[in-house]
Structure formats: C-alpha cells, structure tokens
Protein backbone atom coordinates (compact mmCIF):
# COMPACT_ATOMS: atom_id res chain seq x y z
CA MET A 1 98.97 57.70 108.13
CA SER A 2 99.47 54.48 110.07
CA ASP A 3 96.52 52.15 110.71
CA GLN A 4 96.72 52.84 114.45
CA SER A 5 96.68 56.63 114.08
CA HIS A 6 93.86 56.32 111.55
CA ARG A 7 91.78 54.31 114.07
CA GLU A 8 92.56 56.83 116.81
CA SER A 9 91.53 59.76 114.60
CA ARG A 10 88.17 58.06 114.04
CA GLY A 11 87.77 57.49 117.78
CA GLU A 12 88.33 53.73 117.66
CA ALA A 13 90.34 52.23 120.51
CA SER A 14 93.66 50.48 120.02
CA VAL A 15 94.27 47.06 121.53
CA CYS A 16 96.60 46.92 124.53
CA PRO A 17 100.05 45.69 123.46
CA LYS A 18 100.65 44.01 126.85
CA CYS A 19 97.53 41.88 127.34
CA GLY A 20 96.09 41.91 123.81
CA VAL A 21 92.55 42.10 125.22
CA GLY A 22 91.89 45.53 126.69
CA ALA A 23 91.36 48.74 124.80
CA LEU A 24 93.71 51.67 125.35
CA VAL A 25 92.13 54.76 126.85
CA GLN A 26 93.61 58.22 127.26
CA LYS A 27 93.37 59.93 130.65
CA LYS A 28 94.42 63.32 131.93
CA VAL A 29 96.61 63.01 135.02
CA ARG A 30 98.45 65.46 137.25
CA LEU A 31 101.68 65.06 135.27
CA GLY A 32 100.05 65.48 131.83
CA ALA A 33 98.36 62.70 129.91
CA MET A 34 98.64 58.93 129.85
CA VAL A 35 97.34 56.01 127.86
CA GLY A 36 96.45 52.87 129.77
CA CYS A 37 94.62 49.57 129.44
CA HIS A 38 90.92 49.81 130.32
CA ILE A 39 90.96 46.53 132.27
CA TRP A 40 93.29 47.92 134.91
CA PRO A 41 94.18 46.57 137.52
CA ARG A 42 94.22 43.17 135.76
CA CYS A 43 96.57 44.69 133.18
CA ASP A 44 98.94 47.44 134.28
CA TYR A 45 100.03 48.80 130.88
CA VAL A 46 100.62 52.57 131.06
CA GLN A 47 102.34 54.95 128.66
CA MET A 48 102.87 58.59 129.62
CA ARG A 49 102.30 61.17 126.90
CA SER A 50 103.96 64.58 126.74
CA ASN A 51 101.82 67.68 126.37
C-alpha cells in the first residue's frame, strides 16, 4: 500500500500537488466524484474520479 493510500484510508488528507499548501478533499458532484484543493478558488486543482 502506498503512503498516500495509507493516509487516505486513515482519513488523513493528502497535500495538493499543485499548490503544495492545501489539503485535497473529495466531493460528490453531478458527474460523479472529484478531488479538489480545499483552498479553492486560490488554487484550482481538480481531479475527476470515476464511480
């Protein structure tokens, strides 16, 4: 298990790869799920996840 997936399984947030400051949060959206930086709109990192 990778360190990132291990942190996620324990509920710990990953650091945003774009800004290096914000934590990544998962949100349910109309098209499925996405992971984005919590300091949006200052950082606009978004990754769509498939269901």
